[in-house]
Amino acid sequence: MKSFFPITTWLPHYNRSMLRGDMSAGITVGILLIPQGMAYAMIAGLPPVYGLYASLVPLLIYGIMGTSRQLAVGPVALVSLLVAAGVSEFAEPGTSSYIQLAVLLALMTGGFQLLIGLFRLGFLVNFLSHPVVTGFTAAAALIIALSQVHHILGISVNSTLKVHEVLIQLFESLGDVNVQTLLVGFLAIVLVAGLRMWNRHLPGALIAVVVSILLILITGWDQKGVAIIGDIPSGLPAFGMPDFDMEVFSGLFPMAVAISLIGFMESMAVAKMVRSRHRDYKLDTDQELVAIGAANIGGALFQSYPVTGGFARTAINDQSGAKTGMSSIISAVLIGLTLLFLTPLFYYLPGAVLGAIVITAVLGLIDISEIRFLWRTRREDFMMMAVTFFVTLLIGLKEGLLIGVILSLVVVIYRSSTPHVAILGRLPESRIYRNIVRYPEAIEQDDVVVVRYDAPLYFANSEHFKGTIEELVNDKGEKLQLVVLDASGINLIDTTGLHALTEMNRQLQSRGVTLCLASVRGPVRDVLRVSGYFDSNTSHSCYLDVQDAIDAFNHPESSGHGMERH
């Protein structure tokens, strides 16, 4: 019960000090969620009220089942964009069928997350490498920002996530810009960004909402073309199962998987960051998948679209004093009260302000410092990021994510099939052997070659292993008598690798060259032993270190010295 419902670990010890911190954080995040949730619902192609629905039941469930005590779950910009990309292929944004499909997508996303969490398959998120996520997120941020520009300008454009199509439509409609709407949107951006720079604890988005509503009431600009939200339904979301259609289900499934993995990666990144500042609880990756999955399933039963943990809200939740999951529950209660009693207050809220809130929020997703780091550290990682970025930006979200995953797998396969190999020499006046490229003073013997293979020896690189040894043996020529394989970097060997090692040993013996193993790890030694490798080879073929192997070869009368226990 404690592992499945972490609330049982902290609730029995709950005290007034915890309540003060949770109350402050819960109210702060709840206030932030009201305008943010409505704005993100617009990104998803949904009426604003669905952003509030997504901020209600999921928060309650996560507060009970989540292991992170500061993670703030709810609608986020990136997931909202993925919802729009997936659902818009089957229905027109804003229609009742579109809403039902968005809710169904939440149910599918939650079901997938719950399953991989219960079966402890959280490692699947590792198929999305950090450079890929960086490039995908940066491109998505630009797409989101551009998708909101028409709200700021007060013009109408056809719904599309193609950047070039959006830019063309914006350019063609510049003559229709509504000056009052542009002014409201510009002021909202300045106000939200300015307040964030001045004091990050201030609810800049909510302040912009209040100021803009008052401005519309005073000026009457809604009569001059400034689009307002209008009626927002009051009351809590109704319970119900979303409509199910097998054809649509199969069409939405790839996007459900993408949202599940991307959303969970975003959650875990910020949850781990916050957890590093708190030592009073343990973060369980698989239980987090279960909790977020349950939150999405429960939310879908009450008209929510997919949710996950958000960076900014989690940071604010932590900075505001959140101690336990009670802060999420308090935020949900505040959203519920808003739905019951306060929705009429948002009637005159300009759509341009919600667009401004989105733009100021998502531009922070473009991590310039990380892009510079990739360029400076590993160019191949930078190229992976760049390809993902441009494919996502110019072709599409699903295509960009798919290409990114494929690139990640290709890089993994390439790196594991062509690992680093070092030729070792002995440092003067020592028994230590080091890479002769990095240590020019290291001494090589003419009749001995010492090689270190820095990777598991398995089916993907067995041919590379044999080719590498053969090339080294050929370079040494007839004077070569001993090959020492420093196996300290080989932490695994499979049957294909075992056959490659045995074949290599046989080839070397046919040329009058001895093969010795040094610094073999225990698990690898176990495989060699049960396979009979040591039975079919000389007893002095496995040593504690390189120098022991060379000494044993030079002085066979003391060959038992320094042998590893098989």
Protein backbone atom coordinates (compact mmCIF):
# COMPACT_ATOMS: atom_id res chain seq x y z
CA MET A 1 0.00 0.00 0.00
CA LYS A 2 2.79 2.42 0.87
CA SER A 3 4.56 1.88 -2.45
CA PHE A 4 1.36 2.21 -4.48
CA PHE A 5 -0.14 5.06 -2.41
CA PRO A 6 2.82 7.15 -1.13
CA ILE A 7 0.37 9.46 0.66
CA THR A 8 0.30 6.80 3.40
CA THR A 9 4.00 7.47 4.12
CA TRP A 10 3.61 11.15 4.94
CA LEU A 11 -0.03 11.66 5.94
CA PRO A 12 0.28 9.89 9.37
CA HIS A 13 3.07 12.34 10.26
CA TYR A 14 1.41 15.41 8.81
CA ASN A 15 1.68 18.52 11.02
CA ARG A 16 0.90 22.22 11.10
CA SER A 17 4.32 23.22 9.74
CA MET A 18 3.79 21.05 6.66
CA LEU A 19 0.29 22.48 6.20
CA ARG A 20 1.62 26.05 6.16
CA GLY A 21 4.11 25.26 3.41
CA ASP A 22 1.62 23.20 1.40
CA MET A 23 -1.10 25.83 1.75
CA SER A 24 1.17 28.61 0.50
CA ALA A 25 2.46 26.52 -2.42
CA GLY A 26 -0.93 25.05 -3.31
CA ILE A 27 -2.63 28.44 -3.51
CA THR A 28 0.27 29.95 -5.48
CA VAL A 29 0.34 27.14 -8.05
CA GLY A 30 -3.47 27.05 -8.23
CA ILE A 31 -3.58 30.78 -9.02
CA LEU A 32 -0.91 30.26 -11.69
CA LEU A 33 -2.80 27.29 -13.16
CA ILE A 34 -6.01 29.22 -13.82
CA PRO A 35 -4.75 31.41 -16.68
CA GLN A 36 -2.05 28.94 -17.71
CA GLY A 37 -4.45 26.02 -17.98
CA MET A 38 -6.85 28.02 -20.15
CA ALA A 39 -3.98 29.19 -22.36
CA TYR A 40 -2.58 25.68 -22.84
CA ALA A 41 -6.03 24.35 -23.70
CA MET A 42 -6.04 26.81 -26.62
CA ILE A 43 -2.75 25.28 -27.85
CA ALA A 44 -4.42 21.87 -27.73
CA GLY A 45 -7.30 23.19 -29.85
CA LEU A 46 -9.76 22.95 -26.96
CA PRO A 47 -12.08 25.48 -25.30
CA PRO A 48 -10.29 27.22 -22.38
CA VAL A 49 -12.41 25.51 -19.72
CA TYR A 50 -10.81 22.16 -20.59
CA GLY A 51 -7.52 23.51 -19.29
CA LEU A 52 -9.24 23.90 -15.90
CA TYR A 53 -10.71 20.40 -16.14
CA ALA A 54 -7.17 19.08 -16.76
CA SER A 55 -6.04 20.90 -13.60
CA LEU A 56 -8.57 19.26 -11.30
CA VAL A 57 -8.82 15.46 -11.00
CA PRO A 58 -5.25 14.70 -12.23
CA LEU A 59 -3.83 16.87 -9.43
CA LEU A 60 -5.90 15.06 -6.80
CA ILE A 61 -4.79 11.64 -8.01
CA TYR A 62 -1.13 12.58 -8.32
CA GLY A 63 -1.15 14.10 -4.83
CA ILE A 64 -2.21 10.69 -3.50
CA MET A 65 -0.05 8.42 -5.68
CA GLY A 66 3.04 10.45 -6.63
CA THR A 67 6.39 9.92 -4.93
CA SER A 68 7.62 13.44 -5.67
CA ARG A 69 6.32 15.85 -3.05
CA GLN A 70 6.92 18.96 -5.14
CA LEU A 71 6.08 17.95 -8.73
CA ALA A 72 3.19 20.07 -10.07
CA VAL A 73 1.13 18.03 -12.53
CA GLY A 74 -1.25 19.60 -15.03
CA PRO A 75 -1.50 20.82 -18.63
CA VAL A 76 1.82 21.81 -20.24
CA ALA A 77 2.63 23.52 -23.52
CA LEU A 78 4.55 20.70 -25.21
CA VAL A 79 1.97 17.99 -24.47
CA SER A 80 -0.81 20.38 -25.54
CA LEU A 81 0.89 20.84 -28.90
CA LEU A 82 1.24 17.06 -29.30
CA VAL A 83 -2.48 16.69 -28.57
CA ALA A 84 -3.27 19.21 -31.29
CA ALA A 85 -0.95 17.44 -33.74
CA GLY A 86 -2.47 14.04 -33.08
CA VAL A 87 -6.17 14.82 -32.77
CA SER A 88 -6.39 17.40 -35.59
CA GLU A 89 -5.83 14.59 -38.11
CA PHE A 90 -9.24 13.15 -37.17
CA ALA A 91 -11.43 16.14 -36.27
CA GLU A 92 -11.71 19.92 -36.52
CA PRO A 93 -10.29 21.70 -33.44
CA GLY A 94 -12.94 22.95 -31.03
CA THR A 95 -15.68 20.59 -32.20
CA SER A 96 -17.37 18.11 -29.87
CA SER A 97 -15.79 15.16 -31.69
CA TYR A 98 -12.36 16.79 -31.33
CA ILE A 99 -12.93 17.21 -27.59
CA GLN A 100 -13.93 13.57 -27.24
CA LEU A 101 -10.80 12.44 -29.08
CA ALA A 102 -8.57 14.63 -26.87
CA VAL A 103 -10.15 13.03 -23.80
CA LEU A 104 -9.71 9.56 -25.35
CA LEU A 105 -6.05 10.42 -25.96
CA ALA A 106 -5.68 11.17 -22.24
CA LEU A 107 -7.15 7.75 -21.43
CA MET A 108 -4.79 6.02 -23.88
CA THR A 109 -1.78 7.96 -22.61
CA GLY A 110 -2.61 7.14 -19.02
CA GLY A 111 -3.17 3.48 -19.82
CA PHE A 112 0.21 3.18 -21.56
CA GLN A 113 2.02 4.96 -18.71
CA LEU A 114 0.27 2.82 -16.10
CA LEU A 115 1.20 -0.41 -17.88
CA ILE A 116 4.89 0.40 -18.35
CA GLY A 117 5.02 1.57 -14.75
CA LEU A 118 3.39 -1.58 -13.35
CA PHE A 119 5.70 -3.78 -15.44
CA ARG A 120 8.67 -1.60 -14.40
CA LEU A 121 9.57 -0.65 -17.96
CA GLY A 122 10.52 2.95 -17.22
CA PHE A 123 13.81 2.41 -19.03
CA LEU A 124 11.89 2.84 -22.32
CA VAL A 125 12.24 6.61 -21.94
CA ASN A 126 15.98 6.14 -22.49
CA PHE A 127 15.28 5.70 -26.20
CA LEU A 128 14.77 9.47 -26.27
CA SER A 129 18.29 10.83 -25.89
CA HIS A 130 18.90 14.24 -24.35
CA PRO A 131 20.07 15.89 -27.63
CA VAL A 132 16.92 14.63 -29.38
CA VAL A 133 14.66 15.99 -26.63
CA THR A 134 16.54 19.31 -26.68
CA GLY A 135 16.06 19.71 -30.45
CA PHE A 136 12.45 18.52 -30.39
CA THR A 137 11.52 20.81 -27.49
CA ALA A 138 13.16 23.87 -29.08
CA ALA A 139 11.33 23.29 -32.37
CA ALA A 140 8.04 22.66 -30.57
CA ALA A 141 8.49 25.90 -28.60
CA LEU A 142 8.84 27.89 -31.84
CA ILE A 143 5.81 26.14 -33.35
CA ILE A 144 3.74 26.90 -30.23
CA ALA A 145 4.83 30.54 -30.16
CA LEU A 146 4.04 31.03 -33.85
CA SER A 147 0.65 29.35 -33.40
CA GLN A 148 -0.30 32.08 -30.90
CA VAL A 149 0.86 35.10 -32.91
CA HIS A 150 -2.47 35.45 -34.71
CA HIS A 151 -4.19 35.89 -31.33
CA ILE A 152 -1.83 38.79 -30.58
CA LEU A 153 -2.46 40.35 -34.00
CA GLY A 154 -6.21 39.83 -33.92
CA ILE A 155 -6.35 38.03 -37.27
CA SER A 156 -7.76 34.67 -38.34
CA VAL A 157 -5.63 31.89 -39.78
CA ASN A 158 -6.42 28.31 -40.70
CA SER A 159 -5.42 25.76 -38.10
CA THR A 160 -2.03 24.25 -39.00
CA LEU A 161 1.19 23.23 -37.27
CA LYS A 162 3.34 23.73 -40.38
CA VAL A 163 5.62 26.67 -39.67
CA HIS A 164 5.92 27.83 -43.25
CA GLU A 165 2.13 27.73 -43.71
CA VAL A 166 1.61 29.79 -40.55
CA LEU A 167 4.18 32.36 -41.67
CA ILE A 168 2.58 32.67 -45.12
CA GLN A 169 -0.88 33.18 -43.63
CA LEU A 170 0.41 35.76 -41.14
CA PHE A 171 2.18 37.68 -43.89
CA GLU A 172 -0.89 37.67 -46.13
CA SER A 173 -3.13 38.91 -43.28
CA LEU A 174 -0.93 41.74 -42.01
CA GLY A 175 -3.34 44.27 -43.46
CA ASP A 176 -6.11 42.95 -41.20
CA VAL A 177 -4.27 43.44 -37.91
CA ASN A 178 -6.50 44.80 -35.15
CA VAL A 179 -4.57 47.62 -33.46
CA GLN A 180 -6.40 47.33 -30.12
CA THR A 181 -5.79 43.58 -29.98
CA LEU A 182 -2.12 44.07 -30.81
CA LEU A 183 -1.83 46.64 -28.04
CA VAL A 184 -3.49 44.35 -25.48
CA GLY A 185 -1.27 41.40 -26.47
CA PHE A 186 1.91 43.48 -26.45
CA LEU A 187 1.13 44.95 -23.03
CA ALA A 188 0.40 41.46 -21.68
CA ILE A 189 3.77 40.15 -22.91
CA VAL A 190 5.60 43.11 -21.37
CA LEU A 191 3.69 42.74 -18.09
CA VAL A 192 4.20 38.97 -17.73
CA ALA A 193 7.86 39.05 -18.78
CA GLY A 194 8.60 42.17 -16.72
CA LEU A 195 7.03 40.79 -13.54
CA ARG A 196 8.90 37.52 -14.01
CA MET A 197 12.22 39.37 -14.24
CA TRP A 198 11.38 41.58 -11.26
CA ASN A 199 9.97 38.92 -8.92
CA ARG A 200 9.40 35.31 -10.03
CA HIS A 201 7.09 34.70 -7.07
CA LEU A 202 4.48 37.14 -8.38
CA PRO A 203 1.65 35.53 -10.42
CA GLY A 204 2.40 37.59 -13.52
CA ALA A 205 -0.01 35.66 -15.72
CA LEU A 206 -2.92 36.20 -13.33
CA ILE A 207 -2.07 39.87 -12.91
CA ALA A 208 -2.08 40.27 -16.71
CA VAL A 209 -5.48 38.54 -16.84
CA VAL A 210 -6.98 40.88 -14.21
CA VAL A 211 -5.49 44.03 -15.79
CA SER A 212 -6.66 43.06 -19.29
CA ILE A 213 -10.21 42.29 -18.12
CA LEU A 214 -10.40 45.69 -16.43
CA LEU A 215 -9.00 47.33 -19.57
CA ILE A 216 -11.71 45.76 -21.75
CA LEU A 217 -14.44 46.74 -19.28
CA ILE A 218 -13.21 50.35 -19.21
CA THR A 219 -12.49 50.82 -22.92
CA GLY A 220 -15.17 48.61 -24.45
CA TRP A 221 -12.62 47.36 -26.98
CA ASP A 222 -14.52 44.09 -27.28
CA GLN A 223 -16.89 46.14 -29.47
CA LYS A 224 -13.93 47.16 -31.66
CA GLY A 225 -12.78 43.71 -32.67
CA VAL A 226 -10.83 42.54 -29.60
CA ALA A 227 -11.77 38.87 -29.25
CA ILE A 228 -12.75 37.82 -25.73
CA ILE A 229 -13.25 34.39 -24.19
CA GLY A 230 -16.95 34.88 -23.52
CA ASP A 231 -19.02 32.38 -21.58
CA ILE A 232 -17.10 29.69 -19.72
CA PRO A 233 -19.28 26.85 -18.40
CA SER A 234 -19.63 26.82 -14.63
CA GLY A 235 -19.57 23.67 -12.54
CA LEU A 236 -17.36 20.63 -12.17
CA PRO A 237 -16.69 18.36 -15.17
CA ALA A 238 -19.14 15.52 -15.67
CA PHE A 239 -18.12 11.91 -15.22
CA GLY A 240 -18.17 9.79 -18.37
CA MET A 241 -16.19 7.48 -20.63
CA PRO A 242 -14.92 8.97 -23.91
CA ASP A 243 -16.28 7.54 -27.15
CA PHE A 244 -14.24 4.62 -28.46
CA ASP A 245 -13.58 3.75 -32.09
CA MET A 246 -10.99 1.09 -32.98
CA GLU A 247 -9.88 2.84 -36.17
CA VAL A 248 -9.34 6.13 -34.37
CA PHE A 249 -7.70 4.30 -31.46
CA SER A 250 -5.10 2.76 -33.75
CA GLY A 251 -4.53 6.15 -35.42
CA LEU A 252 -4.00 7.91 -32.09
CA PHE A 253 -1.83 5.18 -30.55
CA PRO A 254 1.56 6.44 -31.87
CA MET A 255 0.82 9.91 -30.49
CA ALA A 256 -0.28 8.40 -27.15
CA VAL A 257 3.08 6.63 -26.92
CA ALA A 258 4.94 9.84 -27.83
CA ILE A 259 3.03 11.88 -25.24
CA SER A 260 3.60 9.17 -22.64
CA LEU A 261 7.37 9.14 -23.11
CA ILE A 262 7.91 12.86 -23.74
CA GLY A 263 5.61 13.85 -20.88
CA PHE A 264 7.24 11.42 -18.48
CA MET A 265 10.73 12.60 -19.42
CA GLU A 266 9.69 16.18 -18.71
CA SER A 267 8.22 15.14 -15.37
CA MET A 268 11.22 13.12 -14.25
CA ALA A 269 13.74 15.78 -15.29
CA VAL A 270 12.18 18.40 -13.05
CA ALA A 271 11.26 15.91 -10.29
CA LYS A 272 14.88 14.76 -10.02
CA MET A 273 16.10 18.35 -10.01
CA VAL A 274 13.81 19.25 -7.11
CA ARG A 275 14.46 15.96 -5.28
CA SER A 276 18.19 16.85 -5.12
CA ARG A 277 17.25 19.63 -2.68
CA HIS A 278 15.16 17.37 -0.42
CA ARG A 279 16.48 14.30 1.42
CA ASP A 280 13.31 13.29 3.27
CA TYR A 281 11.81 11.07 0.57
CA LYS A 282 12.78 8.71 -2.26
CA LEU A 283 11.79 9.22 -5.89
CA ASP A 284 10.55 5.99 -7.52
CA THR A 285 10.66 6.17 -11.34
CA ASP A 286 8.22 3.35 -11.98
CA GLN A 287 5.75 4.57 -9.34
CA GLU A 288 5.90 8.01 -10.96
CA LEU A 289 4.78 6.38 -14.21
CA VAL A 290 1.95 4.67 -12.33
CA ALA A 291 0.93 7.94 -10.65
CA ILE A 292 0.97 10.06 -13.80
CA GLY A 293 -0.76 7.27 -15.72
CA ALA A 294 -3.49 7.03 -13.07
CA ALA A 295 -3.80 10.83 -13.12
CA ASN A 296 -4.39 10.79 -16.88
CA ILE A 297 -6.88 7.91 -16.68
CA GLY A 298 -8.79 9.54 -13.81
CA GLY A 299 -8.69 12.89 -15.57
CA ALA A 300 -10.05 11.38 -18.79
CA LEU A 301 -13.10 10.16 -16.87
CA PHE A 302 -13.75 13.82 -15.96
CA GLN A 303 -13.12 15.52 -19.34
CA SER A 304 -9.37 16.09 -19.03
CA TYR A 305 -6.86 15.99 -21.86
CA PRO A 306 -3.30 14.58 -21.28
CA VAL A 307 -1.25 16.12 -18.47
CA THR A 308 2.24 15.78 -17.02
CA GLY A 309 4.59 17.57 -14.63
CA GLY A 310 5.59 21.11 -15.60
CA PHE A 311 8.97 22.78 -15.15
CA ALA A 312 7.90 26.29 -14.13
CA ARG A 313 5.02 25.27 -11.87
CA THR A 314 7.15 22.67 -10.08
CA ALA A 315 9.89 25.21 -9.43
CA ILE A 316 7.33 27.67 -8.08
CA ASN A 317 5.70 24.93 -6.00
CA ASP A 318 9.05 24.12 -4.41
CA GLN A 319 10.05 27.74 -3.88
CA SER A 320 6.67 28.47 -2.29
CA GLY A 321 7.26 25.89 0.41
CA ALA A 322 5.57 22.67 -0.75
CA LYS A 323 6.31 19.84 1.69
CA THR A 324 4.04 17.02 0.51
CA GLY A 325 1.49 16.03 -2.13
CA MET A 326 -1.08 18.01 -0.15
CA SER A 327 0.00 21.10 -2.10
CA SER A 328 -1.33 19.45 -5.30
CA ILE A 329 -4.59 18.60 -3.55
CA ILE A 330 -4.96 22.21 -2.37
CA SER A 331 -4.31 23.49 -5.92
CA ALA A 332 -7.01 21.14 -7.21
CA VAL A 333 -9.47 22.41 -4.58
CA LEU A 334 -8.76 25.99 -5.71
CA ILE A 335 -9.40 25.03 -9.35
CA GLY A 336 -12.62 23.33 -8.30
CA LEU A 337 -13.81 26.47 -6.50
CA THR A 338 -12.96 28.52 -9.59
CA LEU A 339 -15.04 26.21 -11.78
CA LEU A 340 -17.95 26.38 -9.35
CA PHE A 341 -18.06 30.11 -8.64
CA LEU A 342 -15.52 32.23 -10.58
CA THR A 343 -15.79 31.38 -14.29
CA PRO A 344 -18.15 34.34 -15.05
CA LEU A 345 -15.29 36.67 -14.06
CA PHE A 346 -13.33 35.57 -17.13
CA TYR A 347 -16.02 36.55 -19.64
CA TYR A 348 -14.11 39.66 -20.82
CA LEU A 349 -10.69 37.99 -20.86
CA PRO A 350 -9.03 38.79 -24.24
CA GLY A 351 -7.76 35.81 -26.22
CA ALA A 352 -4.65 37.87 -26.97
CA VAL A 353 -3.68 37.71 -23.29
CA LEU A 354 -3.83 33.91 -23.26
CA GLY A 355 -1.67 33.94 -26.38
CA ALA A 356 0.79 36.25 -24.64
CA ILE A 357 0.92 33.93 -21.61
CA VAL A 358 1.73 31.00 -23.88
CA ILE A 359 4.44 32.84 -25.81
CA THR A 360 6.24 34.07 -22.69
CA ALA A 361 6.06 30.57 -21.17
CA VAL A 362 7.26 28.47 -24.11
CA LEU A 363 10.21 30.59 -25.19
CA GLY A 364 11.89 29.44 -21.99
CA LEU A 365 11.81 25.89 -23.39
CA ILE A 366 14.54 26.81 -25.89
CA ASP A 367 17.68 25.91 -23.95
CA ILE A 368 20.38 28.00 -25.64
CA SER A 369 23.01 27.08 -23.04
CA GLU A 370 22.44 23.36 -23.65
CA ILE A 371 22.71 23.84 -27.42
CA ARG A 372 26.05 25.62 -26.93
CA PHE A 373 27.15 22.82 -24.59
CA LEU A 374 26.38 20.19 -27.22
CA TRP A 375 28.31 22.13 -29.87
CA ARG A 376 31.29 22.56 -27.57
CA THR A 377 31.34 19.02 -26.16
CA ARG A 378 30.24 16.51 -28.83
CA ARG A 379 29.53 17.57 -32.40
CA GLU A 380 27.71 14.33 -33.21
CA ASP A 381 25.25 15.02 -30.37
CA PHE A 382 24.83 18.55 -31.69
CA MET A 383 24.09 17.21 -35.18
CA MET A 384 21.52 14.80 -33.74
CA MET A 385 19.87 17.75 -31.98
CA ALA A 386 19.99 19.90 -35.12
CA VAL A 387 18.47 17.23 -37.39
CA THR A 388 15.64 16.62 -34.90
CA PHE A 389 15.06 20.37 -34.61
CA PHE A 390 14.78 21.04 -38.35
CA VAL A 391 12.73 17.93 -39.15
CA THR A 392 10.29 18.80 -36.35
CA LEU A 393 10.12 22.45 -37.40
CA LEU A 394 9.78 21.97 -41.16
CA ILE A 395 8.08 18.59 -41.56
CA GLY A 396 6.12 17.73 -38.44
CA LEU A 397 6.12 16.75 -34.78
CA LYS A 398 5.68 13.01 -35.24
CA GLU A 399 8.25 12.91 -38.02
CA GLY A 400 10.76 14.89 -35.94
CA LEU A 401 10.29 12.65 -32.92
CA LEU A 402 10.54 9.48 -35.03
CA ILE A 403 13.70 10.66 -36.78
CA GLY A 404 15.16 11.62 -33.40
CA VAL A 405 14.49 8.17 -31.93
CA ILE A 406 15.95 6.48 -35.03
CA LEU A 407 19.04 8.68 -34.82
CA SER A 408 19.45 7.82 -31.14
CA LEU A 409 19.29 4.10 -31.89
CA VAL A 410 21.69 4.42 -34.83
CA VAL A 411 24.20 6.28 -32.66
CA VAL A 412 23.89 3.68 -29.89
CA ILE A 413 24.43 0.84 -32.36
CA TYR A 414 27.35 2.62 -34.04
CA ARG A 415 29.07 3.45 -30.75
CA SER A 416 28.66 -0.07 -29.38
CA SER A 417 29.76 -1.75 -32.63
CA THR A 418 32.88 0.43 -33.03
CA PRO A 419 34.06 1.07 -29.46
CA HIS A 420 37.22 2.75 -28.29
CA VAL A 421 40.33 0.56 -28.47
CA ALA A 422 43.62 1.48 -26.78
CA ILE A 423 47.12 0.14 -27.37
CA LEU A 424 48.88 0.07 -24.00
CA GLY A 425 52.49 0.57 -22.98
CA ARG A 426 54.21 0.36 -19.60
CA LEU A 427 55.00 3.59 -17.79
CA PRO A 428 58.71 3.81 -16.88
CA GLU A 429 59.69 2.40 -13.49
CA SER A 430 56.21 0.97 -12.83
CA ARG A 431 53.81 -1.94 -13.44
CA ILE A 432 51.17 0.45 -14.81
CA TYR A 433 50.05 0.24 -18.45
CA ARG A 434 48.44 3.21 -20.20
CA ASN A 435 47.25 4.30 -23.66
CA ILE A 436 50.36 5.12 -25.71
CA VAL A 437 48.47 7.91 -27.51
CA ARG A 438 47.79 9.76 -24.25
CA TYR A 439 51.08 8.74 -22.60
CA PRO A 440 53.89 9.03 -25.18
CA GLU A 441 56.42 8.01 -22.53
CA ALA A 442 54.76 4.56 -22.20
CA ILE A 443 57.06 1.77 -23.44
CA GLU A 444 56.01 -0.95 -25.92
CA GLN A 445 57.81 -4.29 -26.35
CA ASP A 446 58.60 -5.37 -29.91
CA ASP A 447 57.37 -8.93 -29.36
CA VAL A 448 54.27 -8.04 -27.28
CA VAL A 449 51.10 -6.10 -28.02
CA VAL A 450 48.80 -5.05 -25.18
CA VAL A 451 45.30 -3.98 -26.21
CA ARG A 452 42.38 -2.75 -24.12
CA TYR A 453 38.83 -3.16 -25.54
CA ASP A 454 36.48 -0.63 -23.94
CA ALA A 455 33.06 -2.20 -24.52
CA PRO A 456 31.01 -5.32 -23.90
CA LEU A 457 32.05 -8.07 -26.30
CA TYR A 458 28.84 -9.17 -28.00
CA PHE A 459 27.19 -9.82 -31.34
CA ALA A 460 27.21 -6.17 -32.49
CA ASN A 461 30.99 -5.71 -32.23
CA SER A 462 32.45 -9.23 -32.44
CA GLU A 463 33.64 -8.67 -36.03
CA HIS A 464 35.12 -5.31 -35.06
CA PHE A 465 36.96 -7.06 -32.20
CA LYS A 466 38.45 -9.73 -34.47
CA GLY A 467 39.37 -7.18 -37.13
CA THR A 468 41.09 -4.95 -34.59
CA ILE A 469 43.22 -7.76 -33.16
CA GLU A 470 44.11 -9.06 -36.63
CA GLU A 471 45.23 -5.59 -37.74
CA LEU A 472 47.43 -5.19 -34.66
CA VAL A 473 48.97 -8.63 -35.15
CA ASN A 474 49.72 -7.90 -38.80
CA ASP A 475 51.32 -4.58 -37.90
CA LYS A 476 53.70 -6.32 -35.46
CA GLY A 477 54.69 -8.92 -38.02
CA GLU A 478 56.82 -12.04 -37.44
CA LYS A 479 58.45 -10.78 -34.24
CA LEU A 480 55.16 -10.86 -32.32
CA GLN A 481 54.98 -13.61 -29.68
CA LEU A 482 52.33 -12.46 -27.17
CA VAL A 483 48.98 -10.65 -27.29
CA VAL A 484 47.63 -9.46 -23.93
CA LEU A 485 43.96 -8.47 -23.90
CA ASP A 486 43.28 -6.05 -21.04
CA ALA A 487 39.63 -6.96 -20.45
CA SER A 488 38.98 -4.39 -17.72
CA GLY A 489 36.64 -2.52 -20.10
CA ILE A 490 34.67 -5.65 -21.07
CA ASN A 491 31.80 -5.93 -18.59
CA LEU A 492 29.75 -8.45 -20.59
CA ILE A 493 30.33 -11.20 -23.12
CA ASP A 494 27.65 -13.12 -25.03
CA THR A 495 27.96 -16.33 -27.01
CA THR A 496 28.84 -14.50 -30.23
CA GLY A 497 31.60 -12.63 -28.43
CA LEU A 498 32.77 -15.89 -26.85
CA HIS A 499 33.03 -17.55 -30.27
CA ALA A 500 34.97 -14.51 -31.56
CA LEU A 501 37.43 -14.74 -28.65
CA THR A 502 37.87 -18.51 -29.10
CA GLU A 503 38.37 -18.14 -32.85
CA MET A 504 40.86 -15.34 -32.34
CA ASN A 505 42.82 -17.47 -29.87
CA ARG A 506 42.88 -20.36 -32.36
CA GLN A 507 44.14 -18.11 -35.17
CA LEU A 508 46.89 -16.67 -32.99
CA GLN A 509 48.00 -20.15 -31.90
CA SER A 510 48.27 -21.18 -35.56
CA ARG A 511 50.70 -18.29 -36.05
CA GLY A 512 52.72 -19.20 -32.95
CA VAL A 513 51.33 -16.29 -30.93
CA THR A 514 50.00 -16.67 -27.38
CA LEU A 515 46.85 -14.89 -26.21
CA CYS A 516 46.55 -13.97 -22.52
CA LEU A 517 43.67 -12.25 -20.76
CA ALA A 518 44.22 -9.73 -17.96
CA SER A 519 41.94 -7.88 -15.52
CA VAL A 520 38.91 -9.96 -16.51
CA ARG A 521 35.74 -8.96 -14.66
CA GLY A 522 33.99 -11.60 -12.56
CA PRO A 523 30.80 -11.96 -14.63
CA VAL A 524 32.85 -12.34 -17.83
CA ARG A 525 35.13 -14.86 -16.13
CA ASP A 526 32.06 -16.84 -15.08
CA VAL A 527 30.86 -17.09 -18.70
CA LEU A 528 34.34 -18.17 -19.85
CA ARG A 529 34.45 -20.82 -17.15
CA VAL A 530 31.02 -22.40 -17.77
CA SER A 531 31.64 -22.34 -21.55
CA GLY A 532 34.77 -24.46 -21.13
CA TYR A 533 37.06 -21.74 -22.50
CA PHE A 534 39.69 -22.34 -19.83
CA ASP A 535 39.54 -26.11 -20.36
CA SER A 536 40.46 -25.77 -24.04
CA ASN A 537 43.23 -23.18 -23.52
CA THR A 538 46.45 -23.04 -21.58
CA SER A 539 46.04 -22.64 -17.83
CA HIS A 540 48.06 -19.42 -17.76
CA SER A 541 45.65 -17.47 -20.03
CA CYS A 542 43.93 -15.31 -17.38
CA TYR A 543 45.82 -12.93 -15.05
CA LEU A 544 45.17 -10.25 -12.47
CA ASP A 545 46.87 -7.54 -14.51
CA VAL A 546 48.89 -6.98 -17.67
CA GLN A 547 52.30 -7.18 -16.02
CA ASP A 548 51.45 -10.54 -14.45
CA ALA A 549 50.55 -11.90 -17.90
CA ILE A 550 53.82 -10.68 -19.44
CA ASP A 551 55.89 -11.95 -16.50
CA ALA A 552 54.23 -15.36 -16.72
CA PHE A 553 54.97 -15.57 -20.44
CA ASN A 554 58.60 -14.57 -19.94
CA HIS A 555 59.02 -16.90 -16.95
CA PRO A 556 56.72 -19.88 -17.49
CA GLU A 557 58.25 -21.73 -14.54
CA SER A 558 56.32 -19.36 -12.21
CA SER A 559 53.16 -19.21 -14.32
CA GLY A 560 50.83 -19.82 -11.37
CA HIS A 561 51.73 -16.45 -9.85
CA GLY A 562 49.10 -13.77 -10.32
CA MET A 563 46.46 -15.99 -11.91
CA GLU A 564 42.82 -15.04 -11.48
CA ARG A 565 40.48 -17.51 -9.78
CA HIS A 566 38.15 -18.98 -12.37
